Protein backbone atom coordinates (compact mmCIF):
# COMPACT_ATOMS: atom_id res chain seq x y z
CA UNK A 1 70.24 23.68 -125.76
CA UNK A 2 71.33 21.01 -123.01
CA UNK A 3 73.01 20.95 -119.68
CA UNK A 4 76.73 20.60 -119.14
CA UNK A 5 77.91 17.39 -118.05
CA UNK A 6 77.66 16.89 -114.63
CA UNK A 7 77.70 14.25 -111.68
CA UNK A 8 74.62 13.44 -109.99
CA UNK A 9 74.15 12.16 -105.98
CA UNK A 10 71.17 11.14 -104.04
CA UNK A 11 71.86 11.26 -100.43
CA UNK A 12 69.38 9.54 -97.74
CA UNK A 13 70.55 11.35 -94.93
CA UNK A 14 70.86 15.05 -94.16
CA UNK A 15 74.38 14.17 -93.08
CA UNK A 16 74.80 13.02 -96.18
CA UNK A 17 73.54 15.99 -97.79
CA UNK A 18 75.27 18.46 -96.40
CA UNK A 19 79.01 16.66 -96.80
CA UNK A 20 77.87 16.64 -100.34
CA UNK A 21 77.40 20.43 -100.29
CA UNK A 22 80.88 20.57 -99.05
CA UNK A 23 82.33 19.73 -102.14
CA UNK A 24 83.24 22.35 -104.86
CA UNK A 25 80.92 23.18 -107.34
CA UNK A 26 77.66 21.13 -105.83
CA UNK A 27 74.08 22.38 -105.92
CA UNK A 28 71.08 21.01 -104.69
CA UNK A 29 68.23 19.67 -106.67
CA UNK A 30 64.53 19.61 -104.86
CA UNK A 31 61.93 20.65 -107.24
CA UNK A 32 64.00 21.79 -110.29
CA UNK A 33 61.46 24.01 -111.37
CA UNK A 34 64.10 27.10 -111.72
CA UNK A 35 67.31 25.12 -111.47
CA UNK A 36 66.99 22.79 -114.37
CA UNK A 37 65.95 25.80 -117.13
CA UNK A 38 68.71 27.27 -116.05
CA UNK A 39 70.92 24.11 -116.17
CA UNK A 40 69.19 23.87 -119.86
CA UNK A 41 70.40 27.15 -120.65
CA UNK A 42 73.52 26.90 -119.41
CA UNK A 43 73.51 29.79 -117.24
CA UNK A 44 74.30 27.39 -114.52
CA UNK A 45 77.43 24.85 -114.86
CA UNK A 46 77.51 22.82 -111.38
CA UNK A 47 79.99 19.96 -110.97
CA UNK A 48 77.58 17.95 -109.26
CA UNK A 49 73.50 17.98 -108.50
CA UNK A 50 72.82 17.02 -104.88
CA UNK A 51 69.44 15.34 -105.26
CA UNK A 52 67.43 15.63 -101.64
CA UNK A 53 64.56 13.92 -102.53
CA UNK A 54 65.43 10.54 -100.75
CA UNK A 55 65.64 12.56 -97.38
CA UNK A 56 62.85 11.52 -95.47
CA UNK A 57 63.54 14.12 -92.76
CA UNK A 58 63.08 16.98 -95.52
CA UNK A 59 59.32 15.97 -96.77
CA UNK A 60 57.41 16.96 -93.23
CA UNK A 61 54.96 19.63 -92.70
CA UNK A 62 54.09 19.77 -89.34
CA UNK A 63 52.76 22.32 -86.53
CA UNK A 64 55.33 23.24 -83.82
CA UNK A 65 55.68 25.82 -81.42
CA UNK A 66 53.81 28.28 -82.97
CA UNK A 67 54.82 27.40 -86.56
CA UNK A 68 54.02 25.68 -89.81
CA UNK A 69 57.54 23.74 -90.56
CA UNK A 70 57.64 23.21 -93.98
CA UNK A 71 60.54 20.89 -94.94
CA UNK A 72 62.41 21.63 -98.13
CA UNK A 73 61.27 18.97 -100.55
CA UNK A 74 57.71 19.50 -99.36
CA UNK A 75 55.80 20.54 -102.51
CA UNK A 76 53.64 23.65 -103.14
CA UNK A 77 50.87 21.77 -104.21
CA UNK A 78 50.84 19.63 -100.62
CA UNK A 79 50.74 22.60 -98.67
CA UNK A 80 48.20 24.85 -101.07
CA UNK A 81 46.18 21.81 -100.29
CA UNK A 82 46.84 20.95 -96.08
CA UNK A 83 44.56 22.06 -93.57
CA UNK A 84 47.41 23.40 -91.92
CA UNK A 85 47.97 26.02 -94.53
CA UNK A 86 44.78 27.66 -92.99
CA UNK A 87 46.81 28.42 -90.02
CA UNK A 88 49.00 30.64 -91.93
CA UNK A 89 46.25 32.68 -94.25
CA UNK A 90 49.22 34.65 -96.50
CA UNK A 91 50.58 31.76 -97.58
CA UNK A 92 47.05 30.37 -98.88
CA UNK A 93 46.46 33.12 -100.42
CA UNK A 94 49.53 33.29 -101.68
CA UNK A 95 49.94 29.88 -103.42
CA UNK A 96 47.84 29.76 -106.04
CA UNK A 97 49.16 32.83 -108.05
CA UNK A 98 52.47 30.51 -108.37
CA UNK A 99 52.92 29.71 -111.75
CA UNK A 100 50.60 26.81 -112.63
CA UNK A 101 48.91 23.40 -110.95
CA UNK A 102 51.70 21.30 -113.26
CA UNK A 103 54.44 23.61 -111.84
CA UNK A 104 53.23 23.97 -108.06
CA UNK A 105 53.01 20.17 -108.07
CA UNK A 106 56.66 20.01 -108.33
CA UNK A 107 58.38 23.11 -106.92
CA UNK A 108 58.71 23.38 -103.33
CA UNK A 109 58.18 26.47 -100.78
CA UNK A 110 62.16 25.98 -99.65
CA UNK A 111 63.26 25.79 -103.12
CA UNK A 112 61.35 29.40 -104.22
CA UNK A 113 62.77 30.98 -101.01
CA UNK A 114 66.13 29.69 -101.72
CA UNK A 115 65.94 30.88 -105.56
CA UNK A 116 65.27 34.23 -103.79
CA UNK A 117 63.49 35.65 -107.50
CA UNK A 118 62.81 39.51 -106.83
CA UNK A 119 59.45 38.51 -108.38
CA UNK A 120 58.23 35.68 -106.70
CA UNK A 121 55.75 35.12 -104.46
CA UNK A 122 57.02 33.00 -101.78
CA UNK A 123 59.80 35.39 -100.75
CA UNK A 124 57.53 38.04 -100.45
CA UNK A 125 55.31 35.75 -98.33
CA UNK A 126 58.49 34.86 -95.82
CA UNK A 127 59.24 38.29 -95.51
CA UNK A 128 56.20 39.79 -94.72
CA UNK A 129 55.49 37.54 -91.96
CA UNK A 130 59.72 37.34 -91.15
CA UNK A 131 59.31 33.81 -91.00
CA UNK A 132 62.83 31.87 -89.86
CA UNK A 133 64.81 30.01 -92.38
CA UNK A 134 66.80 27.21 -90.91
CA UNK A 135 70.23 26.31 -92.59
CA UNK A 136 72.35 23.16 -91.87
CA UNK A 137 75.68 22.52 -92.90
CA UNK A 138 78.45 20.04 -91.65
CA UNK A 139 79.26 22.60 -89.20
CA UNK A 140 75.73 23.00 -87.40
CA UNK A 141 72.37 24.60 -87.83
CA UNK A 142 71.13 28.35 -87.70
CA UNK A 143 67.99 30.16 -87.55
CA UNK A 144 68.02 33.22 -90.27
CA UNK A 145 65.06 35.56 -90.07
CA UNK A 146 63.76 36.66 -93.39
CA UNK A 147 64.38 40.07 -92.76
CA UNK A 148 68.18 39.18 -92.87
CA UNK A 149 67.91 36.35 -95.60
CA UNK A 150 67.51 38.06 -98.77
CA UNK A 151 70.51 40.13 -99.78
CA UNK A 152 69.78 41.08 -103.51
CA UNK A 153 68.38 39.38 -107.26
CA UNK A 154 68.51 35.82 -106.54
CA UNK A 155 71.38 36.05 -103.46
CA UNK A 156 70.60 34.94 -99.86
CA UNK A 157 73.06 34.55 -96.86
CA UNK A 158 72.73 30.65 -97.65
CA UNK A 159 76.58 29.54 -97.76
CA UNK A 160 78.27 26.83 -100.53
CA UNK A 161 78.24 24.26 -98.19
CA UNK A 162 74.71 25.09 -96.08
CA UNK A 163 71.52 23.57 -97.10
CA UNK A 164 67.98 25.29 -96.22
CA UNK A 165 66.56 22.36 -94.28
CA UNK A 166 63.23 23.93 -93.57
CA UNK A 167 61.00 27.21 -92.96
CA UNK A 168 59.14 28.27 -90.07
CA UNK A 169 56.26 29.99 -90.95
CA UNK A 170 54.06 31.65 -87.82
CA UNK A 171 51.15 30.86 -87.10
CA UNK A 172 48.36 34.12 -87.66
CA UNK A 173 46.81 35.51 -84.44
CA UNK A 174 43.16 36.02 -83.70
CA UNK A 175 43.30 39.44 -84.49
CA UNK A 176 45.50 39.36 -87.58
CA UNK A 177 44.05 40.00 -91.35
CA UNK A 178 45.91 39.38 -94.79
CA UNK A 179 45.95 40.08 -98.19
CA UNK A 180 47.75 39.12 -101.01
CA UNK A 181 47.82 40.81 -104.91
CA UNK A 182 49.70 40.73 -107.70
CA UNK A 183 49.92 41.84 -111.50
CA UNK A 184 51.29 39.94 -114.34
CA UNK A 185 50.74 39.79 -117.97
CA UNK A 186 49.37 36.70 -118.13
CA UNK A 187 48.43 34.34 -114.92
CA UNK A 188 51.33 32.38 -114.04
CA UNK A 189 53.96 34.73 -115.51
CA UNK A 190 56.04 36.45 -113.13
CA UNK A 191 54.37 39.75 -111.14
CA UNK A 192 55.33 42.97 -112.55
CA UNK A 193 54.29 44.10 -109.06
CA UNK A 194 52.76 42.63 -106.37
CA UNK A 195 52.33 43.14 -102.50
CA UNK A 196 51.59 41.07 -99.47
CA UNK A 197 49.93 43.27 -96.38
CA UNK A 198 49.59 41.96 -92.87
CA UNK A 199 47.58 43.90 -90.19
CA UNK A 200 46.72 43.41 -86.46
CA UNK A 201 44.17 45.31 -84.85
CA UNK A 202 43.78 44.13 -81.71
CA UNK A 203 45.72 46.82 -80.05
CA UNK A 204 45.28 50.47 -79.49
CA UNK A 205 46.37 51.42 -82.31
CA UNK A 206 46.32 48.92 -85.46
CA UNK A 207 49.45 47.68 -86.73
CA UNK A 208 50.30 47.10 -90.81
CA UNK A 209 53.32 46.04 -92.89
CA UNK A 210 53.25 45.78 -96.46
CA UNK A 211 55.70 43.46 -98.70
CA UNK A 212 56.45 44.58 -102.12
CA UNK A 213 58.19 42.34 -105.08
CA UNK A 214 58.65 42.40 -108.51
CA UNK A 215 60.16 45.94 -107.99
CA UNK A 216 63.39 45.98 -106.77
CA UNK A 217 66.22 43.52 -106.65
CA UNK A 218 64.37 41.85 -103.53
CA UNK A 219 61.07 42.20 -101.86
CA UNK A 220 61.01 45.52 -99.90
CA UNK A 221 58.98 44.96 -96.41
CA UNK A 222 57.35 48.40 -95.21
CA UNK A 223 55.68 49.39 -91.81
CA UNK A 224 52.68 51.22 -92.85
CA UNK A 225 50.95 51.39 -89.38
CA UNK A 226 51.22 55.37 -89.34
CA UNK A 227 49.27 55.44 -92.88
CA UNK A 228 46.60 53.20 -91.97
CA UNK A 229 45.79 54.49 -88.57
CA UNK A 230 45.84 58.32 -90.44
CA UNK A 231 42.92 57.05 -92.67
CA UNK A 232 40.92 55.08 -89.92
CA UNK A 233 40.90 58.27 -87.81
CA UNK A 234 39.47 60.29 -90.72
CA UNK A 235 36.70 56.96 -91.24
CA UNK A 236 36.02 55.70 -87.95
CA UNK A 237 36.79 52.49 -86.76
CA UNK A 238 34.14 50.49 -89.09
CA UNK A 239 35.02 51.48 -92.98
CA UNK A 240 33.58 50.34 -95.78
CA UNK A 241 36.38 48.86 -97.89
CA UNK A 242 35.85 51.43 -101.15
CA UNK A 243 35.68 54.00 -98.38
CA UNK A 244 39.06 52.89 -96.83
CA UNK A 245 40.37 52.46 -100.29
CA UNK A 246 39.93 55.94 -100.80
CA UNK A 247 41.54 57.21 -97.75
CA UNK A 248 44.57 54.95 -98.43
CA UNK A 249 44.93 56.62 -101.76
CA UNK A 250 46.31 59.76 -100.66
CA UNK A 251 48.97 57.86 -99.04
CA UNK A 252 49.65 55.05 -101.31
CA UNK A 253 51.25 57.09 -104.38
CA UNK A 254 54.15 58.07 -101.80
CA UNK A 255 54.74 54.49 -100.22
CA UNK A 256 55.07 53.50 -103.85
CA UNK A 257 57.09 55.92 -104.65
CA UNK A 258 59.64 55.03 -101.67
CA UNK A 259 59.29 51.26 -102.35
CA UNK A 260 60.12 50.70 -106.45
CA UNK A 261 63.56 50.68 -107.29
CA UNK A 262 63.96 49.85 -110.83
CA UNK A 263 64.81 51.37 -113.65
CA UNK A 264 62.00 49.50 -115.92
CA UNK A 265 62.41 47.09 -118.53
CA UNK A 266 61.04 45.49 -121.49
CA UNK A 267 57.73 44.54 -119.51
CA UNK A 268 57.00 47.71 -117.48
CA UNK A 269 58.56 50.93 -116.64
CA UNK A 270 58.93 52.06 -113.21
CA UNK A 271 56.23 54.94 -113.15
CA UNK A 272 53.87 51.87 -114.18
CA UNK A 273 55.24 49.96 -111.57
CA UNK A 274 54.82 52.33 -108.80
CA UNK A 275 50.86 52.71 -110.51
CA UNK A 276 50.35 49.02 -109.83
CA UNK A 277 51.63 48.95 -105.89
CA UNK A 278 49.71 52.18 -105.04
CA UNK A 279 46.49 50.41 -106.35
CA UNK A 280 47.27 46.94 -104.98
CA UNK A 281 48.45 48.27 -101.54
CA UNK A 282 45.36 50.09 -101.09
CA UNK A 283 43.21 47.15 -101.77
CA UNK A 284 45.32 44.41 -100.09
CA UNK A 285 45.62 46.49 -96.80
CA UNK A 286 41.65 47.37 -97.09
CA UNK A 287 41.14 43.79 -97.27
CA UNK A 288 43.36 42.81 -94.46
CA UNK A 289 42.08 45.20 -91.84
CA UNK A 290 38.32 44.19 -92.47
CA UNK A 291 39.34 40.40 -92.20
CA UNK A 292 41.56 41.69 -88.65
CA UNK A 293 38.40 43.20 -87.31
CA UNK A 294 35.98 40.28 -88.35
CA UNK A 295 38.47 37.24 -86.74
CA UNK A 296 39.02 39.75 -83.68
CA UNK A 297 35.25 39.95 -83.28
CA UNK A 298 34.69 36.25 -83.72
CA UNK A 299 37.56 34.64 -81.71
CA UNK A 300 36.90 33.61 -78.38
CA UNK A 301 37.89 35.67 -75.24
């Protein structure tokens, strides 16, 4: 099929962009990797496409005030290859899992987050890190934490006249470690289930949180500090990865049962997704913990 008729505008400033978005039926076009297929299948029929690729302020990737700031038109491939992404290890771990190189060469980081597919990697990364989403409209600018941004499947708090102008990912601390894993039928397919893990081991107790995706109408973030500390109490502070995996497996099934909120579909049942989450969780949290220990031990005092 072909897209239904639409008007096309290509503003050159943020002010002109948000003015266009204030009109009824306007839709943002950045990388187009999600939007164009929707248009081709006539699942969406916007009156106007607002192409934001000519706005120079939106094509910025920089470090500022403890965060990496990713503008609305910055491509996923650019972030993946930029040295700045090393400051946000979870982002660097997740990007290679997104589609294929050609898709990452056009798709944008902010576009994937705004699209809010429940099986997508970048909304899960934003949730796990509690990134800050900057929304701009003719009414002004507001910052929304990722914990409040996603409201359901392909649904966010973005108002029709607002533009996600940038995402702020916090720079990792010296005592933090990260893990990311997913399972799909083929590389590049949307994940049947996946886990992003963040562990901090510098304090008196270890802090850990995971974000699971592909298992509900949006990514689900859970604090599992108690479960990880319980496993470490059994093993001591320096377990091997395989030892920690086995200890976490005692808790992983219960966690998976709590987070998987789907009746299943043609690709996988709910029970299978629970098994996937439990296995990926144990593996990636173990890896994240060991990374947090190694980075904190070599960091300068």
